[in-house]
Amino acid sequence: MTVAEQYSEFDSVEAQRRGGSCSEPSRSGASSESTTTTEVLERPTRRRFRAEYKLRILEQADRCASPGEIGLLLRREGLHSSHLTNWRKARREGSLAQLSRRRGRKPRVSGEQRTIHQLEKKVRRLEDELEKAHTILEVQGKVARLLGVPPSDARSSC
């Protein structure tokens, strides 16, 4: 038996197993008829868990003693082990607020509050610059004394 005969025999056996013939025009599985669907699938929503629910599940998981109980709990509730891990970490940090924190955009701030925040930020920046300027003047004065040069007072030269 030649190699070509072996390949053709192999192809025919594979075609029979798949339910088709060796001379299939396409292996994509698509039929020759055009079937188009115009159905729009609903976009899945992200699940949200309340802090009370998280704490209740954590308490139940802590009570699980025998092997496989936690897995049973997770399957029953439709959760992943990563949920427990993240929730335990948040509970350890003592942040119940983090367990129930809201995701997404921050609440809108009024115009007055925004202006106050901007002005406070500007005051902090100017205070930092003033502190740097005082430090520079101190260093200049010390250098002038070390070199024996009398410091020139900018106010007296005006």
N, C-alpha and C. Protein backbone atom coordinates (compact mmCIF):
# COMPACT_ATOMS: atom_id res chain seq x y z
N MET A 1 0.86 -1.17 0.00
CA MET A 1 0.00 0.00 0.00
C MET A 1 0.90 1.23 0.00
N THR A 2 0.60 2.15 -0.88
CA THR A 2 1.42 3.35 -0.98
C THR A 2 0.95 4.38 0.04
N VAL A 3 1.77 5.42 0.20
CA VAL A 3 1.45 6.48 1.14
C VAL A 3 0.18 7.21 0.70
N ALA A 4 0.01 7.44 -0.56
CA ALA A 4 -1.17 8.13 -1.06
C ALA A 4 -2.44 7.34 -0.77
N GLU A 5 -2.35 6.01 -0.91
CA GLU A 5 -3.51 5.18 -0.61
C GLU A 5 -3.85 5.23 0.88
N GLN A 6 -2.79 5.24 1.72
CA GLN A 6 -3.03 5.32 3.17
C GLN A 6 -3.73 6.62 3.54
N TYR A 7 -3.29 7.73 2.94
CA TYR A 7 -3.92 9.02 3.22
C TYR A 7 -5.36 9.06 2.75
N SER A 8 -5.63 8.52 1.56
CA SER A 8 -7.01 8.55 1.05
C SER A 8 -7.90 7.67 1.92
N GLU A 9 -7.37 6.54 2.39
CA GLU A 9 -8.15 5.67 3.28
C GLU A 9 -8.42 6.39 4.61
N PHE A 10 -7.41 7.08 5.13
CA PHE A 10 -7.56 7.82 6.38
C PHE A 10 -8.60 8.92 6.22
N ASP A 11 -8.54 9.65 5.09
CA ASP A 11 -9.51 10.72 4.84
C ASP A 11 -10.93 10.18 4.75
N SER A 12 -11.11 9.02 4.13
CA SER A 12 -12.46 8.48 4.00
C SER A 12 -12.99 8.02 5.35
N VAL A 13 -12.14 7.46 6.20
CA VAL A 13 -12.56 7.04 7.53
C VAL A 13 -12.93 8.27 8.36
N GLU A 14 -12.14 9.31 8.28
CA GLU A 14 -12.44 10.55 9.02
C GLU A 14 -13.73 11.18 8.53
N ALA A 15 -13.96 11.14 7.24
CA ALA A 15 -15.18 11.72 6.68
C ALA A 15 -16.40 10.95 7.15
N GLN A 16 -16.29 9.62 7.21
CA GLN A 16 -17.40 8.82 7.69
C GLN A 16 -17.68 9.12 9.16
N ARG A 17 -16.62 9.29 9.93
CA ARG A 17 -16.79 9.57 11.35
C ARG A 17 -17.50 10.91 11.55
N ARG A 18 -17.16 11.91 10.71
CA ARG A 18 -17.80 13.23 10.81
C ARG A 18 -19.17 13.24 10.16
N GLY A 19 -19.47 12.28 9.37
CA GLY A 19 -20.76 12.24 8.70
C GLY A 19 -20.76 12.97 7.38
N GLY A 20 -19.62 13.18 6.78
CA GLY A 20 -19.54 13.88 5.51
C GLY A 20 -18.73 13.07 4.52
N SER A 21 -18.40 13.66 3.41
CA SER A 21 -17.61 12.97 2.41
C SER A 21 -16.23 13.60 2.34
N CYS A 22 -15.33 12.91 1.64
CA CYS A 22 -13.97 13.41 1.51
C CYS A 22 -13.91 14.69 0.72
N SER A 23 -14.84 14.86 -0.16
CA SER A 23 -14.78 16.02 -1.04
C SER A 23 -15.70 17.14 -0.54
N GLU A 24 -15.69 17.38 0.76
CA GLU A 24 -16.50 18.47 1.30
C GLU A 24 -15.97 19.80 0.81
N PRO A 25 -16.84 20.69 0.35
CA PRO A 25 -16.36 21.98 -0.12
C PRO A 25 -15.86 22.85 1.03
N SER A 26 -16.49 22.77 2.20
CA SER A 26 -16.01 23.57 3.31
C SER A 26 -16.18 22.80 4.59
N ARG A 27 -15.30 23.01 5.52
CA ARG A 27 -15.37 22.32 6.80
C ARG A 27 -15.85 23.25 7.90
N SER A 28 -16.40 24.38 7.54
CA SER A 28 -16.80 25.36 8.54
C SER A 28 -18.05 24.95 9.29
N GLY A 29 -18.79 23.98 8.77
CA GLY A 29 -20.01 23.56 9.43
C GLY A 29 -21.21 24.39 9.02
N ALA A 30 -21.01 25.41 8.22
CA ALA A 30 -22.11 26.27 7.78
C ALA A 30 -22.82 25.61 6.62
N SER A 31 -24.11 25.69 6.61
CA SER A 31 -24.87 25.12 5.51
C SER A 31 -24.80 26.07 4.32
N SER A 32 -25.22 25.55 3.19
CA SER A 32 -25.17 26.37 1.99
C SER A 32 -26.22 27.46 2.01
N GLU A 33 -27.29 27.26 2.82
CA GLU A 33 -28.31 28.28 2.92
C GLU A 33 -27.84 29.41 3.82
N SER A 34 -28.23 30.60 3.49
CA SER A 34 -27.83 31.77 4.27
C SER A 34 -28.84 31.98 5.40
N THR A 35 -28.40 31.79 6.64
CA THR A 35 -29.27 32.00 7.79
C THR A 35 -28.72 33.16 8.59
N THR A 36 -29.43 34.27 8.54
CA THR A 36 -29.01 35.43 9.31
C THR A 36 -30.02 35.69 10.39
N THR A 37 -29.50 36.02 11.57
CA THR A 37 -30.40 36.33 12.67
C THR A 37 -30.24 37.80 13.01
N THR A 38 -31.37 38.43 13.25
CA THR A 38 -31.34 39.85 13.60
C THR A 38 -31.60 40.05 15.08
N GLU A 39 -31.58 38.97 15.83
CA GLU A 39 -31.84 39.06 17.26
C GLU A 39 -30.65 39.71 17.96
N VAL A 40 -30.95 40.68 18.81
CA VAL A 40 -29.92 41.36 19.58
C VAL A 40 -29.93 40.76 20.98
N LEU A 41 -28.78 40.24 21.38
CA LEU A 41 -28.70 39.63 22.69
C LEU A 41 -28.62 40.69 23.76
N GLU A 42 -29.27 40.43 24.89
CA GLU A 42 -29.26 41.37 26.00
C GLU A 42 -27.87 41.37 26.63
N ARG A 43 -27.39 42.55 26.95
CA ARG A 43 -26.07 42.68 27.54
C ARG A 43 -26.15 42.27 29.02
N PRO A 44 -25.28 41.36 29.45
CA PRO A 44 -25.35 40.93 30.85
C PRO A 44 -24.97 42.07 31.79
N THR A 45 -25.60 42.08 32.95
CA THR A 45 -25.30 43.12 33.93
C THR A 45 -24.39 42.55 35.00
N ARG A 46 -23.60 43.40 35.57
CA ARG A 46 -22.66 43.01 36.62
C ARG A 46 -23.44 42.78 37.91
N ARG A 47 -23.12 41.67 38.56
CA ARG A 47 -23.81 41.37 39.81
C ARG A 47 -23.28 42.26 40.92
N ARG A 48 -24.18 42.68 41.79
CA ARG A 48 -23.79 43.52 42.93
C ARG A 48 -24.25 42.83 44.19
N PHE A 49 -23.39 42.81 45.18
CA PHE A 49 -23.71 42.16 46.43
C PHE A 49 -23.72 43.18 47.55
N ARG A 50 -24.73 43.12 48.40
CA ARG A 50 -24.82 44.03 49.54
C ARG A 50 -23.89 43.54 50.64
N ALA A 51 -23.53 44.47 51.52
CA ALA A 51 -22.61 44.15 52.60
C ALA A 51 -23.20 43.08 53.51
N GLU A 52 -24.49 43.12 53.76
CA GLU A 52 -25.13 42.13 54.63
C GLU A 52 -25.00 40.74 54.03
N TYR A 53 -25.20 40.65 52.72
CA TYR A 53 -25.10 39.36 52.03
C TYR A 53 -23.67 38.84 52.12
N LYS A 54 -22.70 39.70 51.88
CA LYS A 54 -21.30 39.30 51.92
C LYS A 54 -20.94 38.77 53.30
N LEU A 55 -21.35 39.50 54.34
CA LEU A 55 -21.03 39.07 55.70
C LEU A 55 -21.73 37.76 56.04
N ARG A 56 -22.97 37.58 55.58
CA ARG A 56 -23.69 36.33 55.85
C ARG A 56 -22.99 35.15 55.19
N ILE A 57 -22.55 35.33 53.94
CA ILE A 57 -21.85 34.26 53.22
C ILE A 57 -20.51 33.97 53.90
N LEU A 58 -19.81 35.01 54.34
CA LEU A 58 -18.53 34.79 55.03
C LEU A 58 -18.73 34.02 56.33
N GLU A 59 -19.80 34.33 57.07
CA GLU A 59 -20.09 33.59 58.30
C GLU A 59 -20.40 32.13 58.00
N GLN A 60 -21.17 31.88 56.95
CA GLN A 60 -21.48 30.50 56.57
C GLN A 60 -20.21 29.76 56.14
N ALA A 61 -19.32 30.44 55.41
CA ALA A 61 -18.09 29.81 54.97
C ALA A 61 -17.18 29.51 56.16
N ASP A 62 -17.18 30.40 57.16
CA ASP A 62 -16.37 30.17 58.35
C ASP A 62 -16.87 28.98 59.15
N ARG A 63 -18.18 28.70 59.10
CA ARG A 63 -18.75 27.58 59.82
C ARG A 63 -18.53 26.24 59.13
N CYS A 64 -18.11 26.27 57.85
CA CYS A 64 -17.89 25.03 57.11
C CYS A 64 -16.69 24.30 57.70
N ALA A 65 -16.90 23.04 58.08
CA ALA A 65 -15.83 22.29 58.73
C ALA A 65 -15.32 21.13 57.88
N SER A 66 -16.20 20.41 57.25
CA SER A 66 -15.77 19.24 56.50
C SER A 66 -15.35 19.63 55.08
N PRO A 67 -14.50 18.80 54.47
CA PRO A 67 -14.05 19.11 53.11
C PRO A 67 -15.22 19.11 52.13
N GLY A 68 -15.23 20.09 51.26
CA GLY A 68 -16.25 20.18 50.22
C GLY A 68 -17.43 21.05 50.58
N GLU A 69 -17.56 21.43 51.84
CA GLU A 69 -18.70 22.25 52.24
C GLU A 69 -18.63 23.65 51.63
N ILE A 70 -17.42 24.23 51.59
CA ILE A 70 -17.28 25.57 51.01
C ILE A 70 -17.62 25.54 49.53
N GLY A 71 -17.15 24.49 48.84
CA GLY A 71 -17.47 24.35 47.42
C GLY A 71 -18.96 24.23 47.20
N LEU A 72 -19.64 23.48 48.07
CA LEU A 72 -21.08 23.34 47.98
C LEU A 72 -21.77 24.67 48.19
N LEU A 73 -21.30 25.42 49.18
CA LEU A 73 -21.84 26.75 49.45
C LEU A 73 -21.66 27.67 48.24
N LEU A 74 -20.47 27.66 47.67
CA LEU A 74 -20.18 28.52 46.51
C LEU A 74 -21.05 28.14 45.32
N ARG A 75 -21.21 26.84 45.07
CA ARG A 75 -22.05 26.41 43.94
C ARG A 75 -23.51 26.79 44.18
N ARG A 76 -23.99 26.61 45.41
CA ARG A 76 -25.37 26.94 45.73
C ARG A 76 -25.64 28.42 45.52
N GLU A 77 -24.69 29.28 45.90
CA GLU A 77 -24.87 30.72 45.79
C GLU A 77 -24.43 31.28 44.43
N GLY A 78 -23.78 30.45 43.62
CA GLY A 78 -23.32 30.92 42.31
C GLY A 78 -22.14 31.87 42.42
N LEU A 79 -21.23 31.59 43.35
CA LEU A 79 -20.08 32.47 43.59
C LEU A 79 -18.79 31.77 43.20
N HIS A 80 -17.72 32.55 43.14
CA HIS A 80 -16.38 32.03 42.89
C HIS A 80 -15.57 32.15 44.17
N SER A 81 -14.51 31.37 44.26
CA SER A 81 -13.67 31.43 45.45
C SER A 81 -13.00 32.79 45.59
N SER A 82 -12.79 33.48 44.48
CA SER A 82 -12.18 34.81 44.55
C SER A 82 -13.08 35.80 45.28
N HIS A 83 -14.41 35.59 45.20
CA HIS A 83 -15.32 36.44 45.96
C HIS A 83 -15.00 36.33 47.45
N LEU A 84 -14.89 35.08 47.93
CA LEU A 84 -14.58 34.88 49.35
C LEU A 84 -13.24 35.51 49.72
N THR A 85 -12.26 35.34 48.85
CA THR A 85 -10.93 35.89 49.14
C THR A 85 -10.98 37.40 49.28
N ASN A 86 -11.62 38.06 48.33
CA ASN A 86 -11.69 39.52 48.38
C ASN A 86 -12.51 40.01 49.57
N TRP A 87 -13.61 39.32 49.85
CA TRP A 87 -14.47 39.74 50.95
C TRP A 87 -13.78 39.51 52.30
N ARG A 88 -13.02 38.42 52.42
CA ARG A 88 -12.29 38.18 53.67
C ARG A 88 -11.23 39.24 53.88
N LYS A 89 -10.55 39.61 52.82
CA LYS A 89 -9.52 40.65 52.92
C LYS A 89 -10.14 41.96 53.38
N ALA A 90 -11.27 42.33 52.79
CA ALA A 90 -11.94 43.57 53.17
C ALA A 90 -12.40 43.50 54.62
N ARG A 91 -12.88 42.34 55.05
CA ARG A 91 -13.33 42.19 56.43
C ARG A 91 -12.15 42.28 57.40
N ARG A 92 -11.01 41.70 57.02
CA ARG A 92 -9.80 41.78 57.85
C ARG A 92 -9.35 43.22 58.04
N GLU A 93 -9.46 44.00 56.99
CA GLU A 93 -9.06 45.40 57.06
C GLU A 93 -10.06 46.22 57.86
N GLY A 94 -11.16 45.60 58.22
CA GLY A 94 -12.17 46.28 59.04
C GLY A 94 -12.93 47.34 58.29
N SER A 95 -13.06 47.16 57.02
CA SER A 95 -13.72 48.20 56.23
C SER A 95 -15.05 47.67 55.71
N LEU A 96 -16.05 47.78 56.55
CA LEU A 96 -17.39 47.41 56.11
C LEU A 96 -17.83 48.34 54.99
N ALA A 97 -17.34 49.58 55.05
CA ALA A 97 -17.68 50.53 53.98
C ALA A 97 -17.13 50.04 52.65
N GLN A 98 -15.96 49.39 52.69
CA GLN A 98 -15.38 48.89 51.45
C GLN A 98 -16.21 47.73 50.91
N LEU A 99 -16.80 46.95 51.81
CA LEU A 99 -17.63 45.84 51.36
C LEU A 99 -18.85 46.35 50.60
N SER A 100 -19.37 47.49 51.00
CA SER A 100 -20.58 47.99 50.35
C SER A 100 -20.32 49.25 49.54
N ARG A 101 -19.08 49.50 49.20
CA ARG A 101 -18.77 50.73 48.46
C ARG A 101 -19.44 50.72 47.09
N ARG A 102 -19.78 51.89 46.67
CA ARG A 102 -20.42 52.03 45.37
C ARG A 102 -19.36 52.22 44.31
N ARG A 103 -19.57 51.58 43.20
CA ARG A 103 -18.62 51.70 42.10
C ARG A 103 -19.14 52.76 41.12
N GLY A 104 -18.24 53.23 40.29
CA GLY A 104 -18.67 54.15 39.25
C GLY A 104 -18.28 55.58 39.53
N ARG A 105 -18.99 56.48 38.89
CA ARG A 105 -18.66 57.89 38.99
C ARG A 105 -18.91 58.42 40.39
N LYS A 106 -18.13 59.43 40.73
CA LYS A 106 -18.30 60.11 42.01
C LYS A 106 -19.54 61.00 41.92
N PRO A 107 -20.16 61.29 43.06
CA PRO A 107 -21.33 62.16 43.01
C PRO A 107 -20.95 63.56 42.55
N ARG A 108 -21.88 64.23 41.93
CA ARG A 108 -21.62 65.58 41.42
C ARG A 108 -21.41 66.55 42.56
N VAL A 109 -20.47 67.48 42.34
CA VAL A 109 -20.13 68.48 43.34
C VAL A 109 -20.69 69.81 42.87
N SER A 110 -21.21 70.60 43.81
CA SER A 110 -21.78 71.89 43.43
C SER A 110 -20.67 72.84 42.99
N GLY A 111 -21.05 73.93 42.32
CA GLY A 111 -20.07 74.90 41.83
C GLY A 111 -19.29 75.54 42.95
N GLU A 112 -19.96 75.85 44.08
CA GLU A 112 -19.27 76.47 45.22
C GLU A 112 -18.23 75.52 45.80
N GLN A 113 -18.60 74.25 45.96
CA GLN A 113 -17.66 73.28 46.51
C GLN A 113 -16.47 73.09 45.59
N ARG A 114 -16.71 73.09 44.29
CA ARG A 114 -15.61 72.94 43.32
C ARG A 114 -14.67 74.14 43.42
N THR A 115 -15.23 75.35 43.53
CA THR A 115 -14.42 76.57 43.65
C THR A 115 -13.60 76.54 44.94
N ILE A 116 -14.24 76.12 46.04
CA ILE A 116 -13.52 76.04 47.32
C ILE A 116 -12.37 75.05 47.21
N HIS A 117 -12.63 73.90 46.58
CA HIS A 117 -11.57 72.90 46.42
C HIS A 117 -10.41 73.44 45.60
N GLN A 118 -10.72 74.14 44.50
CA GLN A 118 -9.67 74.70 43.65
C GLN A 118 -8.87 75.75 44.41
N LEU A 119 -9.54 76.60 45.18
CA LEU A 119 -8.83 77.64 45.93
C LEU A 119 -7.95 77.03 47.03
N GLU A 120 -8.45 76.00 47.71
CA GLU A 120 -7.63 75.33 48.72
C GLU A 120 -6.40 74.69 48.10
N LYS A 121 -6.57 74.12 46.94
CA LYS A 121 -5.44 73.51 46.22
C LYS A 121 -4.42 74.59 45.84
N LYS A 122 -4.90 75.74 45.39
CA LYS A 122 -4.02 76.85 45.01
C LYS A 122 -3.28 77.37 46.23
N VAL A 123 -3.97 77.49 47.37
CA VAL A 123 -3.33 77.97 48.61
C VAL A 123 -2.21 77.02 49.02
N ARG A 124 -2.48 75.69 48.95
CA ARG A 124 -1.45 74.71 49.31
C ARG A 124 -0.23 74.85 48.40
N ARG A 125 -0.48 75.02 47.09
CA ARG A 125 0.63 75.16 46.14
C ARG A 125 1.44 76.42 46.43
N LEU A 126 0.76 77.54 46.69
CA LEU A 126 1.46 78.79 46.97
C LEU A 126 2.23 78.72 48.29
N GLU A 127 1.67 78.04 49.30
CA GLU A 127 2.39 77.87 50.56
C GLU A 127 3.66 77.05 50.35
N ASP A 128 3.58 76.02 49.51
CA ASP A 128 4.77 75.22 49.21
C ASP A 128 5.83 76.06 48.51
N GLU A 129 5.39 76.90 47.55
CA GLU A 129 6.35 77.77 46.84
C GLU A 129 6.97 78.78 47.80
N LEU A 130 6.18 79.32 48.71
CA LEU A 130 6.70 80.29 49.68
C LEU A 130 7.73 79.63 50.59
N GLU A 131 7.45 78.41 51.01
CA GLU A 131 8.40 77.68 51.86
C GLU A 131 9.71 77.45 51.11
N LYS A 132 9.63 77.09 49.83
CA LYS A 132 10.83 76.89 49.02
C LYS A 132 11.61 78.20 48.89
N ALA A 133 10.89 79.32 48.69
CA ALA A 133 11.55 80.62 48.56
C ALA A 133 12.27 80.99 49.85
N HIS A 134 11.65 80.76 51.02
CA HIS A 134 12.31 81.03 52.30
C HIS A 134 13.56 80.18 52.47
N THR A 135 13.49 78.91 52.06
CA THR A 135 14.65 78.03 52.15
C THR A 135 15.78 78.54 51.27
N ILE A 136 15.45 78.99 50.07
CA ILE A 136 16.48 79.52 49.15
C ILE A 136 17.12 80.76 49.74
N LEU A 137 16.32 81.66 50.33
CA LEU A 137 16.87 82.87 50.93
C LEU A 137 17.79 82.54 52.11
N GLU A 138 17.41 81.57 52.93
CA GLU A 138 18.27 81.16 54.04
C GLU A 138 19.59 80.64 53.55
N VAL A 139 19.54 79.79 52.50
CA VAL A 139 20.77 79.23 51.95
C VAL A 139 21.64 80.33 51.37
N GLN A 140 21.06 81.29 50.67
CA GLN A 140 21.82 82.40 50.10
C GLN A 140 22.50 83.22 51.20
N GLY A 141 21.76 83.46 52.28
CA GLY A 141 22.34 84.21 53.40
C GLY A 141 23.51 83.47 54.02
N LYS A 142 23.39 82.16 54.21
CA LYS A 142 24.47 81.36 54.79
C LYS A 142 25.69 81.33 53.88
N VAL A 143 25.46 81.21 52.57
CA VAL A 143 26.57 81.20 51.61
C VAL A 143 27.28 82.54 51.63
N ALA A 144 26.51 83.63 51.69
CA ALA A 144 27.11 84.97 51.71
C ALA A 144 27.96 85.14 52.96
N ARG A 145 27.52 84.68 54.11
CA ARG A 145 28.31 84.78 55.34
C ARG A 145 29.57 83.95 55.26
N LEU A 146 29.48 82.74 54.66
CA LEU A 146 30.66 81.88 54.53
C LEU A 146 31.70 82.51 53.62
N LEU A 147 31.26 83.20 52.59
CA LEU A 147 32.18 83.82 51.64
C LEU A 147 32.64 85.20 52.10
N GLY A 148 32.02 85.71 53.14
CA GLY A 148 32.39 87.01 53.66
C GLY A 148 31.84 88.16 52.85
N VAL A 149 30.85 87.88 52.03
CA VAL A 149 30.22 88.93 51.21
C VAL A 149 29.03 89.44 52.01
N PRO A 150 28.95 90.76 52.16
CA PRO A 150 27.79 91.27 52.90
C PRO A 150 26.53 91.07 52.07
N PRO A 151 25.48 90.54 52.71
CA PRO A 151 24.26 90.30 51.94
C PRO A 151 23.65 91.62 51.52
N SER A 152 23.26 91.72 50.28
CA SER A 152 22.66 92.96 49.78
C SER A 152 21.17 92.88 50.06
N ASP A 153 20.69 93.95 50.64
CA ASP A 153 19.28 94.01 50.95
C ASP A 153 18.57 94.64 49.76
N ALA A 154 17.71 93.88 49.13
CA ALA A 154 17.04 94.37 47.92
C ALA A 154 16.16 95.57 48.22
N ARG A 155 15.63 95.69 49.47
CA ARG A 155 14.76 96.78 49.80
C ARG A 155 15.52 98.09 49.91
N SER A 156 16.77 98.05 50.39
CA SER A 156 17.55 99.28 50.57
C SER A 156 18.09 99.81 49.25
N SER A 157 18.21 98.97 48.23
CA SER A 157 18.76 99.43 46.95
C SER A 157 17.70 100.09 46.09
N CYS A 158 16.46 100.05 46.44
CA CYS A 158 15.40 100.65 45.65
C CYS A 158 15.38 102.14 45.75
